[in-house]
Amino acid sequence: MLRIFQVYRPMQIAKHVKNFFRGRIFIMGIGCFEFDYGRLISPQSTDLKVLSVISEVNKAIKVLSVSIV
């Protein structure tokens, strides 16, 4: 399943990744990402913008996990 996000909102993306656990997302203007085990996976690209998005979303997922427990 591929979910397309028109706007980059880290918490909204984190909720989607946490709920579906495995899949792919596309963020307009940034690119395509895969996630597995409830976390975004780092692609082969070394683009700093992509890596910062991955880091920010994974931190938001961690915050969601802590706040639920």
PDB file of N, CA and C in Angstrom:
ATOM      1  N   MET A   1       0.844  -1.175   0.000  1.00  0.00           N
ATOM      2  CA  MET A   1       0.000   0.000   0.000  1.00  0.00           C
ATOM      3  C   MET A   1       0.894   1.244   0.000  1.00  0.00           C
ATOM      4  N   LEU A   2       0.616   2.159  -0.869  1.00  0.00           N
ATOM      5  CA  LEU A   2       1.372   3.407  -0.964  1.00  0.00           C
ATOM      6  C   LEU A   2       0.465   4.549  -0.547  1.00  0.00           C
ATOM      7  N   ARG A   3       0.868   5.280   0.465  1.00  0.00           N
ATOM      8  CA  ARG A   3       0.116   6.440   0.934  1.00  0.00           C
ATOM      9  C   ARG A   3       0.858   7.680   0.474  1.00  0.00           C
ATOM     10  N   ILE A   4       0.136   8.624  -0.096  1.00  0.00           N
ATOM     11  CA  ILE A   4       0.722   9.871  -0.575  1.00  0.00           C
ATOM     12  C   ILE A   4       0.339  10.996   0.371  1.00  0.00           C
ATOM     13  N   PHE A   5       1.347  11.689   0.891  1.00  0.00           N
ATOM     14  CA  PHE A   5       1.134  12.846   1.755  1.00  0.00           C
ATOM     15  C   PHE A   5       1.418  14.096   0.939  1.00  0.00           C
ATOM     16  N   GLN A   6       0.448  14.990   0.849  1.00  0.00           N
ATOM     17  CA  GLN A   6       0.601  16.215   0.081  1.00  0.00           C
ATOM     18  C   GLN A   6       1.486  17.218   0.802  1.00  0.00           C
ATOM     19  N   VAL A   7       1.445  17.198   2.136  1.00  0.00           N
ATOM     20  CA  VAL A   7       2.190  18.147   2.967  1.00  0.00           C
ATOM     21  C   VAL A   7       2.995  17.348   3.991  1.00  0.00           C
ATOM     22  N   TYR A   8       4.208  17.789   4.276  1.00  0.00           N
ATOM     23  CA  TYR A   8       5.059  17.112   5.246  1.00  0.00           C
ATOM     24  C   TYR A   8       4.647  17.505   6.660  1.00  0.00           C
ATOM     25  N   ARG A   9       3.993  16.572   7.353  1.00  0.00           N
ATOM     26  CA  ARG A   9       3.607  16.737   8.757  1.00  0.00           C
ATOM     27  C   ARG A   9       4.139  15.526   9.518  1.00  0.00           C
ATOM     28  N   PRO A  10       5.229  15.684  10.252  1.00  0.00           N
ATOM     29  CA  PRO A  10       5.883  14.540  10.888  1.00  0.00           C
ATOM     30  C   PRO A  10       4.974  13.704  11.797  1.00  0.00           C
ATOM     31  N   MET A  11       4.129  14.345  12.595  1.00  0.00           N
ATOM     32  CA  MET A  11       3.265  13.572  13.507  1.00  0.00           C
ATOM     33  C   MET A  11       2.220  12.767  12.742  1.00  0.00           C
ATOM     34  N   GLN A  12       1.659  13.323  11.676  1.00  0.00           N
ATOM     35  CA  GLN A  12       0.680  12.607  10.873  1.00  0.00           C
ATOM     36  C   GLN A  12       1.338  11.402  10.196  1.00  0.00           C
ATOM     37  N   ILE A  13       2.531  11.591   9.684  1.00  0.00           N
ATOM     38  CA  ILE A  13       3.259  10.498   9.044  1.00  0.00           C
ATOM     39  C   ILE A  13       3.635   9.447  10.078  1.00  0.00           C
ATOM     40  N   ALA A  14       4.055   9.885  11.265  1.00  0.00           N
ATOM     41  CA  ALA A  14       4.425   8.953  12.333  1.00  0.00           C
ATOM     42  C   ALA A  14       3.236   8.086  12.741  1.00  0.00           C
ATOM     43  N   LYS A  15       2.060   8.674  12.836  1.00  0.00           N
ATOM     44  CA  LYS A  15       0.864   7.897  13.184  1.00  0.00           C
ATOM     45  C   LYS A  15       0.565   6.857  12.122  1.00  0.00           C
ATOM     46  N   HIS A  16       0.698   7.227  10.861  1.00  0.00           N
ATOM     47  CA  HIS A  16       0.458   6.288   9.771  1.00  0.00           C
ATOM     48  C   HIS A  16       1.459   5.132   9.823  1.00  0.00           C
ATOM     49  N   VAL A  17       2.727   5.456   9.981  1.00  0.00           N
ATOM     50  CA  VAL A  17       3.777   4.433  10.018  1.00  0.00           C
ATOM     51  C   VAL A  17       3.576   3.511  11.210  1.00  0.00           C
ATOM     52  N   LYS A  18       3.240   4.069  12.352  1.00  0.00           N
ATOM     53  CA  LYS A  18       3.043   3.270  13.567  1.00  0.00           C
ATOM     54  C   LYS A  18       1.829   2.353  13.437  1.00  0.00           C
ATOM     55  N   ASN A  19       0.763   2.825  12.806  1.00  0.00           N
ATOM     56  CA  ASN A  19      -0.448   2.021  12.669  1.00  0.00           C
ATOM     57  C   ASN A  19      -0.315   0.887  11.655  1.00  0.00           C
ATOM     58  N   PHE A  20       0.342   1.145  10.540  1.00  0.00           N
ATOM     59  CA  PHE A  20       0.404   0.138   9.476  1.00  0.00           C
ATOM     60  C   PHE A  20       1.641  -0.739   9.540  1.00  0.00           C
ATOM     61  N   PHE A  21       2.681  -0.329  10.273  1.00  0.00           N
ATOM     62  CA  PHE A  21       3.837  -1.147  10.604  1.00  0.00           C
ATOM     63  C   PHE A  21       4.744  -1.481   9.424  1.00  0.00           C
ATOM     64  N   ARG A  22       4.206  -1.676   8.220  1.00  0.00           N
ATOM     65  CA  ARG A  22       5.028  -2.001   7.051  1.00  0.00           C
ATOM     66  C   ARG A  22       4.362  -1.443   5.802  1.00  0.00           C
ATOM     67  N   GLY A  23       5.161  -0.823   4.925  1.00  0.00           N
ATOM     68  CA  GLY A  23       4.602  -0.296   3.686  1.00  0.00           C
ATOM     69  C   GLY A  23       5.485   0.777   3.077  1.00  0.00           C
ATOM     70  N   ARG A  24       4.852   1.626   2.265  1.00  0.00           N
ATOM     71  CA  ARG A  24       5.562   2.700   1.572  1.00  0.00           C
ATOM     72  C   ARG A  24       4.744   3.973   1.663  1.00  0.00           C
ATOM     73  N   ILE A  25       5.451   5.097   1.719  1.00  0.00           N
ATOM     74  CA  ILE A  25       4.795   6.399   1.692  1.00  0.00           C
ATOM     75  C   ILE A  25       5.526   7.290   0.694  1.00  0.00           C
ATOM     76  N   PHE A  26       4.810   8.280   0.209  1.00  0.00           N
ATOM     77  CA  PHE A  26       5.398   9.272  -0.677  1.00  0.00           C
ATOM     78  C   PHE A  26       5.028  10.644  -0.134  1.00  0.00           C
ATOM     79  N   ILE A  27       6.030  11.488   0.065  1.00  0.00           N
ATOM     80  CA  ILE A  27       5.811  12.851   0.548  1.00  0.00           C
ATOM     81  C   ILE A  27       6.130  13.794  -0.603  1.00  0.00           C
ATOM     82  N   MET A  28       5.138  14.572  -1.021  1.00  0.00           N
ATOM     83  CA  MET A  28       5.316  15.494  -2.141  1.00  0.00           C
ATOM     84  C   MET A  28       6.472  16.452  -1.860  1.00  0.00           C
ATOM     85  N   GLY A  29       7.364  16.570  -2.824  1.00  0.00           N
ATOM     86  CA  GLY A  29       8.490  17.467  -2.704  1.00  0.00           C
ATOM     87  C   GLY A  29       9.699  16.878  -1.999  1.00  0.00           C
ATOM     88  N   ILE A  30       9.543  15.693  -1.400  1.00  0.00           N
ATOM     89  CA  ILE A  30      10.659  15.084  -0.678  1.00  0.00           C
ATOM     90  C   ILE A  30      11.036  13.744  -1.291  1.00  0.00           C
ATOM     91  N   GLY A  31      10.050  12.852  -1.461  1.00  0.00           N
ATOM     92  CA  GLY A  31      10.354  11.581  -2.096  1.00  0.00           C
ATOM     93  C   GLY A  31       9.596  10.410  -1.505  1.00  0.00           C
ATOM     94  N   CYS A  32      10.018   9.220  -1.921  1.00  0.00           N
ATOM     95  CA  CYS A  32       9.379   7.976  -1.522  1.00  0.00           C
ATOM     96  C   CYS A  32      10.184   7.316  -0.398  1.00  0.00           C
ATOM     97  N   PHE A  33       9.475   6.739   0.566  1.00  0.00           N
ATOM     98  CA  PHE A  33      10.109   6.087   1.704  1.00  0.00           C
ATOM     99  C   PHE A  33       9.449   4.739   1.955  1.00  0.00           C
ATOM    100  N   GLU A  34      10.212   3.822   2.512  1.00  0.00           N
ATOM    101  CA  GLU A  34       9.669   2.545   2.949  1.00  0.00           C
ATOM    102  C   GLU A  34       9.763   2.487   4.464  1.00  0.00           C
ATOM    103  N   PHE A  35       8.823   1.779   5.064  1.00  0.00           N
ATOM    104  CA  PHE A  35       8.900   1.591   6.502  1.00  0.00           C
ATOM    105  C   PHE A  35       8.627   0.138   6.838  1.00  0.00           C
ATOM    106  N   ASP A  36       9.287  -0.304   7.891  1.00  0.00           N
ATOM    107  CA  ASP A  36       9.186  -1.683   8.329  1.00  0.00           C
ATOM    108  C   ASP A  36       9.369  -1.700   9.841  1.00  0.00           C
ATOM    109  N   TYR A  37       8.662  -2.571  10.518  1.00  0.00           N
ATOM    110  CA  TYR A  37       8.711  -2.651  11.978  1.00  0.00           C
ATOM    111  C   TYR A  37       8.369  -1.315  12.638  1.00  0.00           C
ATOM    112  N   GLY A  38       7.499  -0.550  11.992  1.00  0.00           N
ATOM    113  CA  GLY A  38       7.029   0.697  12.568  1.00  0.00           C
ATOM    114  C   GLY A  38       8.027   1.836  12.560  1.00  0.00           C
ATOM    115  N   ARG A  39       9.064   1.766  11.702  1.00  0.00           N
ATOM    116  CA  ARG A  39      10.049   2.834  11.592  1.00  0.00           C
ATOM    117  C   ARG A  39      10.434   3.040  10.135  1.00  0.00           C
ATOM    118  N   LEU A  40      10.741   4.285   9.766  1.00  0.00           N
ATOM    119  CA  LEU A  40      11.200   4.562   8.406  1.00  0.00           C
ATOM    120  C   LEU A  40      12.583   3.967   8.210  1.00  0.00           C
ATOM    121  N   ILE A  41      12.798   3.387   7.035  1.00  0.00           N
ATOM    122  CA  ILE A  41      14.074   2.773   6.696  1.00  0.00           C
ATOM    123  C   ILE A  41      14.887   3.760   5.880  1.00  0.00           C
ATOM    124  N   SER A  42      16.158   3.819   6.173  1.00  0.00           N
ATOM    125  CA  SER A  42      17.063   4.715   5.459  1.00  0.00           C
ATOM    126  C   SER A  42      17.313   4.194   4.046  1.00  0.00           C
ATOM    127  N   PRO A  43      17.067   5.022   3.028  1.00  0.00           N
ATOM    128  CA  PRO A  43      17.285   4.582   1.645  1.00  0.00           C
ATOM    129  C   PRO A  43      18.764   4.644   1.271  1.00  0.00           C
ATOM    130  N   GLN A  44      19.087   4.239   0.056  1.00  0.00           N
ATOM    131  CA  GLN A  44      20.461   4.292  -0.423  1.00  0.00           C
ATOM    132  C   GLN A  44      20.931   5.733  -0.607  1.00  0.00           C
ATOM    133  N   SER A  45      19.995   6.652  -0.758  1.00  0.00           N
ATOM    134  CA  SER A  45      20.319   8.068  -0.965  1.00  0.00           C
ATOM    135  C   SER A  45      20.994   8.667   0.267  1.00  0.00           C
ATOM    136  N   THR A  46      21.926   9.560   0.033  1.00  0.00           N
ATOM    137  CA  THR A  46      22.577  10.258   1.141  1.00  0.00           C
ATOM    138  C   THR A  46      22.183  11.729   1.165  1.00  0.00           C
ATOM    139  N   ASP A  47      21.038  12.049   0.574  1.00  0.00           N
ATOM    140  CA  ASP A  47      20.533  13.417   0.564  1.00  0.00           C
ATOM    141  C   ASP A  47      20.216  13.845   2.000  1.00  0.00           C
ATOM    142  N   LEU A  48      20.742  14.980   2.415  1.00  0.00           N
ATOM    143  CA  LEU A  48      20.566  15.431   3.792  1.00  0.00           C
ATOM    144  C   LEU A  48      19.104  15.712   4.132  1.00  0.00           C
ATOM    145  N   LYS A  49      18.338  16.207   3.165  1.00  0.00           N
ATOM    146  CA  LYS A  49      16.925  16.489   3.413  1.00  0.00           C
ATOM    147  C   LYS A  49      16.174  15.193   3.714  1.00  0.00           C
ATOM    148  N   VAL A  50      16.452  14.147   2.944  1.00  0.00           N
ATOM    149  CA  VAL A  50      15.801  12.851   3.139  1.00  0.00           C
ATOM    150  C   VAL A  50      16.189  12.267   4.495  1.00  0.00           C
ATOM    151  N   LEU A  51      17.473  12.331   4.820  1.00  0.00           N
ATOM    152  CA  LEU A  51      17.934  11.782   6.094  1.00  0.00           C
ATOM    153  C   LEU A  51      17.354  12.552   7.283  1.00  0.00           C
ATOM    154  N   SER A  52      17.189  13.859   7.143  1.00  0.00           N
ATOM    155  CA  SER A  52      16.611  14.630   8.244  1.00  0.00           C
ATOM    156  C   SER A  52      15.120  14.319   8.411  1.00  0.00           C
ATOM    157  N   VAL A  53      14.412  14.071   7.305  1.00  0.00           N
ATOM    158  CA  VAL A  53      12.998  13.682   7.380  1.00  0.00           C
ATOM    159  C   VAL A  53      12.876  12.339   8.098  1.00  0.00           C
ATOM    160  N   ILE A  54      13.724  11.383   7.733  1.00  0.00           N
ATOM    161  CA  ILE A  54      13.694  10.063   8.372  1.00  0.00           C
ATOM    162  C   ILE A  54      13.946  10.201   9.872  1.00  0.00           C
ATOM    163  N   SER A  55      14.933  10.982  10.226  1.00  0.00           N
ATOM    164  CA  SER A  55      15.264  11.176  11.632  1.00  0.00           C
ATOM    165  C   SER A  55      14.104  11.825  12.394  1.00  0.00           C
ATOM    166  N   GLU A  56      13.513  12.854  11.811  1.00  0.00           N
ATOM    167  CA  GLU A  56      12.427  13.570  12.481  1.00  0.00           C
ATOM    168  C   GLU A  56      11.184  12.695  12.655  1.00  0.00           C
ATOM    169  N   VAL A  57      10.834  11.937  11.628  1.00  0.00           N
ATOM    170  CA  VAL A  57       9.653  11.068  11.715  1.00  0.00           C
ATOM    171  C   VAL A  57       9.899   9.941  12.719  1.00  0.00           C
ATOM    172  N   ASN A  58      11.087   9.355  12.711  1.00  0.00           N
ATOM    173  CA  ASN A  58      11.386   8.286  13.667  1.00  0.00           C
ATOM    174  C   ASN A  58      11.376   8.801  15.107  1.00  0.00           C
ATOM    175  N   LYS A  59      11.800  10.042  15.316  1.00  0.00           N
ATOM    176  CA  LYS A  59      11.710  10.634  16.650  1.00  0.00           C
ATOM    177  C   LYS A  59      10.254  10.833  17.058  1.00  0.00           C
ATOM    178  N   ALA A  60       9.402  11.248  16.112  1.00  0.00           N
ATOM    179  CA  ALA A  60       7.980  11.425  16.391  1.00  0.00           C
ATOM    180  C   ALA A  60       7.337  10.078  16.720  1.00  0.00           C
ATOM    181  N   ILE A  61       7.758   9.012  16.053  1.00  0.00           N
ATOM    182  CA  ILE A  61       7.231   7.669  16.351  1.00  0.00           C
ATOM    183  C   ILE A  61       7.631   7.277  17.768  1.00  0.00           C
ATOM    184  N   LYS A  62       8.846   7.584  18.156  1.00  0.00           N
ATOM    185  CA  LYS A  62       9.329   7.276  19.498  1.00  0.00           C
ATOM    186  C   LYS A  62       8.514   8.037  20.539  1.00  0.00           C
ATOM    187  N   VAL A  63       8.214   9.298  20.273  1.00  0.00           N
ATOM    188  CA  VAL A  63       7.406  10.104  21.184  1.00  0.00           C
ATOM    189  C   VAL A  63       5.997   9.512  21.324  1.00  0.00           C
ATOM    190  N   LEU A  64       5.416   9.070  20.209  1.00  0.00           N
ATOM    191  CA  LEU A  64       4.091   8.443  20.264  1.00  0.00           C
ATOM    192  C   LEU A  64       4.126   7.168  21.097  1.00  0.00           C
ATOM    193  N   SER A  65       5.178   6.387  20.964  1.00  0.00           N
ATOM    194  CA  SER A  65       5.299   5.138  21.714  1.00  0.00           C
ATOM    195  C   SER A  65       5.412   5.407  23.206  1.00  0.00           C
ATOM    196  N   VAL A  66       6.148   6.428  23.576  1.00  0.00           N
ATOM    197  CA  VAL A  66       6.340   6.754  24.990  1.00  0.00           C
ATOM    198  C   VAL A  66       5.064   7.330  25.587  1.00  0.00           C
ATOM    199  N   SER A  67       4.356   8.161  24.837  1.00  0.00           N
ATOM    200  CA  SER A  67       3.166   8.816  25.386  1.00  0.00           C
ATOM    201  C   SER A  67       1.999   7.857  25.546  1.00  0.00           C
ATOM    202  N   ILE A  68       1.972   6.780  24.787  1.00  0.00           N
ATOM    203  CA  ILE A  68       0.874   5.817  24.874  1.00  0.00           C
ATOM    204  C   ILE A  68       1.045   4.928  26.095  1.00  0.00           C
ATOM    205  N   VAL A  69       2.267   4.569  26.397  1.00  0.00           N
ATOM    206  CA  VAL A  69       2.531   3.635  27.504  1.00  0.00           C
ATOM    207  C   VAL A  69       2.393   4.297  28.821  1.00  0.00           C
TER     208      VAL A  69
END
